[in-house]
N, C-alpha and C. Protein backbone atom coordinates (compact mmCIF):
# COMPACT_ATOMS: atom_id res chain seq x y z
N MET A 1 1.04 -1.10 -0.19
CA MET A 1 -0.13 -0.08 0.06
C MET A 1 0.73 1.46 0.40
N ILE A 2 0.37 2.42 -0.44
CA ILE A 2 1.32 3.67 -0.66
C ILE A 2 0.96 4.55 -0.31
N LYS A 3 1.76 4.73 0.67
CA LYS A 3 1.82 6.26 1.75
C LYS A 3 1.62 7.32 1.20
N LEU A 4 0.70 7.97 1.49
CA LEU A 4 1.03 9.63 0.59
C LEU A 4 0.98 10.53 2.11
N SER A 5 1.31 11.71 1.43
CA SER A 5 1.47 13.01 2.79
C SER A 5 0.32 13.19 2.45
N LYS A 6 -0.11 14.34 3.59
CA LYS A 6 -1.32 14.96 3.79
C LYS A 6 -1.99 16.06 2.49
N ILE A 7 -0.65 16.82 2.24
CA ILE A 7 -0.79 17.12 0.55
C ILE A 7 -1.05 16.29 -0.41
N GLU A 8 -0.35 15.49 -0.67
CA GLU A 8 -0.80 14.58 -2.15
C GLU A 8 -2.25 14.40 -1.82
N ARG A 9 -2.96 13.81 -0.96
CA ARG A 9 -3.88 13.43 -0.74
C ARG A 9 -5.00 14.41 -0.95
N ASP A 10 -4.68 15.61 -0.32
CA ASP A 10 -5.43 17.02 -0.53
C ASP A 10 -5.39 17.21 -2.25
N ILE A 11 -3.77 16.94 -2.46
CA ILE A 11 -4.42 17.54 -4.01
C ILE A 11 -4.94 16.29 -5.00
N LEU A 12 -4.97 14.94 -4.45
CA LEU A 12 -6.27 14.27 -5.11
C LEU A 12 -7.85 14.51 -5.11
N LYS A 13 -7.83 15.02 -3.63
CA LYS A 13 -8.98 15.17 -3.93
C LYS A 13 -9.47 16.60 -4.25
N TYR A 14 -8.88 17.10 -4.43
CA TYR A 14 -8.59 18.63 -5.48
C TYR A 14 -9.14 17.95 -6.82
N ILE A 15 -8.47 17.48 -7.36
CA ILE A 15 -8.51 16.99 -8.41
C ILE A 15 -9.73 15.76 -8.74
N TYR A 16 -9.89 14.98 -8.24
CA TYR A 16 -11.32 14.02 -8.13
C TYR A 16 -12.35 15.30 -7.98
N THR A 17 -12.38 16.36 -6.98
CA THR A 17 -14.31 17.08 -6.70
C THR A 17 -13.74 17.96 -8.36
N ALA A 18 -12.81 18.21 -9.40
CA ALA A 18 -12.76 18.99 -10.27
C ALA A 18 -14.02 18.47 -10.91
N SER A 19 -14.02 19.40 -12.24
CA SER A 19 -15.13 18.59 -13.17
C SER A 19 -14.10 17.55 -14.56
N ASN A 20 -14.91 16.74 -14.39
CA ASN A 20 -14.17 15.56 -15.57
C ASN A 20 -12.93 14.91 -14.61
N SER A 21 -12.46 15.25 -13.37
CA SER A 21 -11.37 14.49 -12.98
C SER A 21 -10.40 15.44 -13.24
N THR A 22 -10.34 16.67 -14.44
CA THR A 22 -8.96 17.02 -14.70
C THR A 22 -8.82 18.76 -13.93
N ILE A 23 -7.73 19.45 -13.92
CA ILE A 23 -7.86 20.36 -13.31
C ILE A 23 -6.67 21.52 -13.57
N SER A 24 -6.94 22.40 -13.80
CA SER A 24 -5.65 23.34 -14.45
C SER A 24 -4.12 23.31 -13.47
N ASN A 25 -3.16 23.41 -13.69
CA ASN A 25 -2.08 23.49 -12.75
C ASN A 25 -2.74 25.17 -12.07
N PHE A 26 -2.57 26.16 -12.94
CA PHE A 26 -2.89 27.08 -12.07
C PHE A 26 -3.89 27.10 -10.91
N SER A 27 -4.89 26.62 -11.34
CA SER A 27 -6.60 26.41 -10.02
C SER A 27 -5.72 26.03 -9.24
N LEU A 28 -4.68 24.26 -9.19
CA LEU A 28 -4.87 23.60 -8.19
C LEU A 28 -3.66 24.75 -7.25
N PHE A 29 -2.74 25.31 -7.77
CA PHE A 29 -1.95 26.28 -7.03
C PHE A 29 -2.79 26.99 -6.19
N LYS A 30 -3.37 28.18 -6.56
CA LYS A 30 -4.49 28.85 -6.05
C LYS A 30 -5.07 28.07 -4.68
N LYS A 31 -5.58 27.16 -5.05
CA LYS A 31 -6.76 26.28 -4.22
C LYS A 31 -6.25 25.74 -3.37
N MET A 32 -4.59 25.21 -3.31
CA MET A 32 -3.73 24.37 -2.29
C MET A 32 -2.99 25.86 -1.78
N LYS A 33 -2.45 26.72 -1.87
CA LYS A 33 -1.58 28.07 -1.78
C LYS A 33 -0.26 27.12 -1.04
N LEU A 34 -0.03 26.50 -1.78
CA LEU A 34 1.52 26.04 -1.40
C LEU A 34 2.81 26.87 -2.41
N ASP A 35 3.86 26.44 -1.93
CA ASP A 35 5.10 27.11 -2.83
C ASP A 35 4.79 26.40 -3.93
N ILE A 36 5.49 26.58 -5.14
CA ILE A 36 5.54 25.77 -6.36
C ILE A 36 6.27 24.45 -6.08
N PRO A 37 7.76 24.52 -5.29
CA PRO A 37 8.64 23.33 -5.92
C PRO A 37 7.91 22.31 -4.71
N VAL A 38 7.42 22.88 -3.84
CA VAL A 38 6.14 22.12 -2.81
C VAL A 38 5.42 21.28 -3.84
N LEU A 39 4.44 21.99 -4.50
CA LEU A 39 3.71 21.60 -5.46
C LEU A 39 4.08 20.81 -6.50
N PHE A 40 5.17 20.84 -7.23
CA PHE A 40 5.48 20.06 -7.99
C PHE A 40 6.35 18.72 -7.49
N THR A 41 6.98 18.96 -6.31
CA THR A 41 7.11 17.53 -5.70
C THR A 41 6.67 16.60 -5.63
N SER A 42 5.39 17.27 -5.10
CA SER A 42 4.18 16.16 -4.72
C SER A 42 3.48 15.94 -6.49
N LEU A 43 3.27 16.44 -7.53
CA LEU A 43 2.70 16.29 -8.52
C LEU A 43 3.86 14.86 -9.23
N LYS A 44 5.21 15.53 -9.25
CA LYS A 44 5.92 14.02 -9.49
C LYS A 44 5.73 12.77 -9.05
N LEU A 45 5.71 12.86 -7.70
CA LEU A 45 5.68 11.65 -6.72
C LEU A 45 4.06 11.32 -7.50
N LEU A 46 3.14 11.70 -7.43
CA LEU A 46 1.68 11.10 -7.65
C LEU A 46 1.63 10.92 -9.21
N GLU A 47 2.57 11.20 -10.20
CA GLU A 47 2.56 11.13 -11.39
C GLU A 47 3.46 9.61 -11.60
N LYS A 48 4.49 9.61 -11.01
CA LYS A 48 5.38 8.17 -10.24
C LYS A 48 4.54 7.37 -10.15
N THR A 49 3.48 7.64 -9.10
CA THR A 49 3.06 6.51 -8.71
C THR A 49 1.41 5.67 -9.77
N GLY A 50 1.52 6.69 -10.26
CA GLY A 50 0.69 6.52 -11.49
C GLY A 50 -0.68 6.85 -11.36
N PHE A 51 -1.09 8.00 -10.28
CA PHE A 51 -2.15 8.09 -10.15
C PHE A 51 -2.86 9.33 -11.12
N ILE A 52 -1.46 10.16 -11.23
CA ILE A 52 -1.96 11.84 -12.00
C ILE A 52 -0.90 11.18 -13.67
N SER A 53 -1.63 12.36 -14.37
CA SER A 53 -0.81 12.56 -15.37
C SER A 53 -0.89 14.28 -15.53
N TYR A 54 0.61 15.04 -15.58
CA TYR A 54 0.25 16.69 -16.12
C TYR A 54 1.07 16.64 -17.06
N ASP A 55 0.81 17.90 -17.48
CA ASP A 55 1.37 18.81 -18.67
C ASP A 55 1.38 20.11 -18.15
N SER A 56 2.27 20.74 -18.96
CA SER A 56 2.13 22.47 -18.57
C SER A 56 0.85 23.17 -18.30
N GLU A 57 -0.28 22.33 -18.78
CA GLU A 57 -1.67 23.19 -18.89
C GLU A 57 -2.51 22.18 -17.50
N GLN A 58 -2.76 20.99 -17.39
CA GLN A 58 -4.03 20.84 -16.56
C GLN A 58 -3.17 19.36 -15.92
N ILE A 59 -3.74 18.87 -14.94
CA ILE A 59 -3.66 17.73 -14.40
C ILE A 59 -4.88 16.81 -14.48
N ILE A 60 -4.95 15.66 -14.87
CA ILE A 60 -5.46 14.42 -15.15
C ILE A 60 -5.70 13.60 -13.91
N LEU A 61 -6.77 13.25 -13.25
CA LEU A 61 -6.81 11.66 -12.78
C LEU A 61 -6.65 10.50 -13.18
N LEU A 62 -5.91 9.89 -12.93
CA LEU A 62 -5.96 8.39 -13.75
C LEU A 62 -6.54 7.52 -12.65
N PRO A 63 -7.15 6.64 -13.77
CA PRO A 63 -8.24 5.60 -13.34
C PRO A 63 -7.50 4.86 -11.98
N GLU A 64 -5.81 4.38 -11.61
CA GLU A 64 -5.37 4.09 -10.64
C GLU A 64 -5.38 5.07 -9.55
N GLY A 65 -5.45 6.50 -9.67
CA GLY A 65 -5.76 7.04 -8.87
C GLY A 65 -7.44 7.21 -8.13
N ILE A 66 -8.35 7.19 -9.25
CA ILE A 66 -9.33 7.11 -8.87
C ILE A 66 -9.65 5.45 -7.63
N LYS A 67 -9.33 5.04 -7.81
CA LYS A 67 -9.44 3.43 -7.54
C LYS A 67 -8.75 3.55 -5.98
N TYR A 68 -7.66 4.41 -5.91
CA TYR A 68 -6.72 4.41 -4.28
C TYR A 68 -7.58 5.49 -3.73
N ILE A 69 -8.47 6.39 -4.17
CA ILE A 69 -9.27 7.30 -3.58
C ILE A 69 -10.72 6.29 -2.87
N ALA A 70 -11.01 5.35 -4.03
CA ALA A 70 -11.98 4.60 -3.50
C ALA A 70 -12.09 3.52 -2.91
N THR A 71 -10.73 3.08 -2.55
CA THR A 71 -9.95 2.13 -1.82
C THR A 71 -9.52 2.62 -0.07
N ASN A 72 -9.23 4.08 -0.54
CA ASN A 72 -8.47 4.38 0.49
C ASN A 72 -9.47 5.89 1.44
N THR A 73 -10.87 5.83 1.21
CA THR A 73 -11.53 6.82 1.44
C THR A 73 -10.68 8.21 2.14
N ILE A 74 -10.64 8.90 0.88
CA ILE A 74 -9.56 10.34 1.80
C ILE A 74 -11.46 10.77 2.35
N SER A 75 -11.03 11.29 4.39
CA SER A 75 -12.04 11.79 4.35
C SER A 75 -12.05 13.15 5.31
N GLU A 76 -12.71 13.73 5.36
CA GLU A 76 -12.90 14.71 6.38
C GLU A 76 -12.81 14.92 8.04
N LYS A 77 -12.71 13.55 8.27
CA LYS A 77 -13.27 13.23 9.51
C LYS A 77 -11.86 13.34 10.21
N HIS A 78 -11.93 14.18 11.22
CA HIS A 78 -11.01 14.30 12.23
C HIS A 78 -10.57 12.98 13.21
N SER A 79 -9.99 13.12 14.05
CA SER A 79 -9.99 12.18 15.29
C SER A 79 -10.10 13.35 16.45
N GLU A 80 -10.72 12.80 17.48
CA GLU A 80 -11.48 13.58 18.51
C GLU A 80 -10.56 14.54 19.17
N LYS A 81 -10.45 15.57 19.58
CA LYS A 81 -9.09 16.34 20.13
C LYS A 81 -9.23 16.39 21.37
N LYS A 82 -8.69 16.53 21.85
CA LYS A 82 -7.98 16.29 23.39
C LYS A 82 -8.85 17.49 23.95
N TRP A 83 -8.53 18.52 23.21
CA TRP A 83 -8.88 20.11 24.10
C TRP A 83 -10.76 20.00 24.02
N ASN A 84 -11.19 19.01 23.06
CA ASN A 84 -12.79 19.69 22.72
C ASN A 84 -13.38 18.10 24.07
N VAL A 85 -12.45 17.55 24.48
CA VAL A 85 -13.20 15.97 25.37
C VAL A 85 -13.48 16.88 26.70
N ILE A 86 -14.62 17.14 27.01
CA ILE A 86 -15.20 17.01 28.28
C ILE A 86 -15.01 16.52 29.79
N PRO A 87 -14.08 16.53 31.03
CA PRO A 87 -14.27 15.45 31.01
C PRO A 87 -15.62 15.26 32.56
N ASP A 88 -15.72 14.28 32.79
CA ASP A 88 -16.19 13.38 33.65
C ASP A 88 -16.86 13.79 34.86
N TYR A 89 -16.09 14.58 35.54
CA TYR A 89 -16.27 15.10 36.81
C TYR A 89 -16.95 16.67 36.15
N PHE A 90 -16.59 17.03 35.17
CA PHE A 90 -17.74 18.18 34.72
C PHE A 90 -19.10 18.59 34.49
N LEU A 91 -19.20 16.89 33.78
CA LEU A 91 -20.82 16.72 33.89
C LEU A 91 -21.87 16.48 34.70
N THR A 92 -22.82 17.42 34.37
CA THR A 92 -23.78 16.93 35.87
C THR A 92 -24.88 16.38 34.94
N ASP A 93 -26.16 16.08 35.72
CA ASP A 93 -27.46 15.35 35.53
C ASP A 93 -28.28 16.95 34.86
N LYS A 94 -28.92 16.78 33.73
CA LYS A 94 -29.68 17.72 32.87
C LYS A 94 -30.47 18.22 34.14
N GLU A 95 -30.67 19.53 34.61
CA GLU A 95 -31.65 20.45 35.08
C GLU A 95 -33.00 20.05 34.78
N ASN A 96 -34.09 19.82 35.48
CA ASN A 96 -35.61 20.00 34.98
C ASN A 96 -36.25 21.43 34.99
N THR A 97 -36.18 21.93 33.51
CA THR A 97 -37.14 23.29 33.50
C THR A 97 -38.24 23.81 33.79
N THR A 98 -38.87 22.69 34.41
CA THR A 98 -40.49 22.90 35.07
C THR A 98 -40.45 22.95 36.11
N GLU A 99 -39.29 22.83 37.07
CA GLU A 99 -39.23 23.14 38.77
C GLU A 99 -38.93 24.58 39.12
N PHE A 100 -39.56 24.87 39.93
CA PHE A 100 -38.90 26.47 40.53
C PHE A 100 -37.94 26.54 41.01
N TYR A 101 -36.72 27.36 41.25
CA TYR A 101 -35.80 27.35 41.71
C TYR A 101 -35.17 28.25 42.60
N ILE A 102 -35.03 28.75 43.63
CA ILE A 102 -34.26 29.97 43.86
C ILE A 102 -33.32 30.57 43.71
N PRO A 103 -32.95 32.22 43.14
CA PRO A 103 -32.13 32.42 42.94
C PRO A 103 -31.52 33.44 43.87
N SER A 104 -29.91 32.94 43.55
CA SER A 104 -29.18 33.60 44.33
C SER A 104 -29.16 34.96 44.49
N ARG A 105 -29.68 35.63 45.56
CA ARG A 105 -29.42 37.41 46.13
C ARG A 105 -28.47 37.95 45.56
N LYS A 106 -27.69 37.53 45.43
CA LYS A 106 -26.31 38.04 45.13
C LYS A 106 -26.55 38.84 43.64
N LEU A 107 -27.16 37.42 42.78
CA LEU A 107 -27.07 37.89 41.38
C LEU A 107 -28.36 38.71 41.26
N LEU A 108 -29.09 38.88 42.01
CA LEU A 108 -30.31 39.72 41.54
C LEU A 108 -29.38 41.30 41.41
N SER A 109 -30.30 41.95 40.73
CA SER A 109 -30.28 43.63 40.88
C SER A 109 -31.00 44.27 41.40
N LYS A 110 -29.78 44.76 42.22
CA LYS A 110 -30.90 45.59 43.46
C LYS A 110 -31.97 47.13 42.99
N LYS A 111 -31.79 47.68 41.86
CA LYS A 111 -32.83 48.40 41.36
C LYS A 111 -34.08 47.84 41.11
N THR A 112 -34.42 46.05 41.03
CA THR A 112 -35.36 45.91 40.88
C THR A 112 -36.36 45.59 42.12
N PHE A 113 -35.83 45.34 43.18
CA PHE A 113 -36.04 45.45 44.45
C PHE A 113 -35.85 46.72 45.45
N ASN A 114 -35.83 47.97 44.89
CA ASN A 114 -35.88 48.69 45.50
C ASN A 114 -37.29 49.34 45.77
N VAL A 115 -37.55 49.79 47.45
CA VAL A 115 -38.65 49.69 47.49
C VAL A 115 -39.36 50.98 48.09
């Protein structure tokens, strides 16, 4: 199995979602916002693996590249972030909104109760 970097997987994704699985070099360059040497190094690697074919004007996704995308599902899902997980000791039972509650006197506005 061929291991591709994130940049190379993104390139395949952009080409696959383009019309007729072809995209111009300039359009890909603008979408990816990469340095030109990094972009062309990645394109050369993808061409060497047989996933794409490119010339001075456009990049074409080959059937081998489509098969790679289909079998390795290039997804947008990311693993769950550590900072996004709420610790169990912060989780409580859901409050019942139909019951009465006694508000804190400190939090009430003093202007409301001026008599």
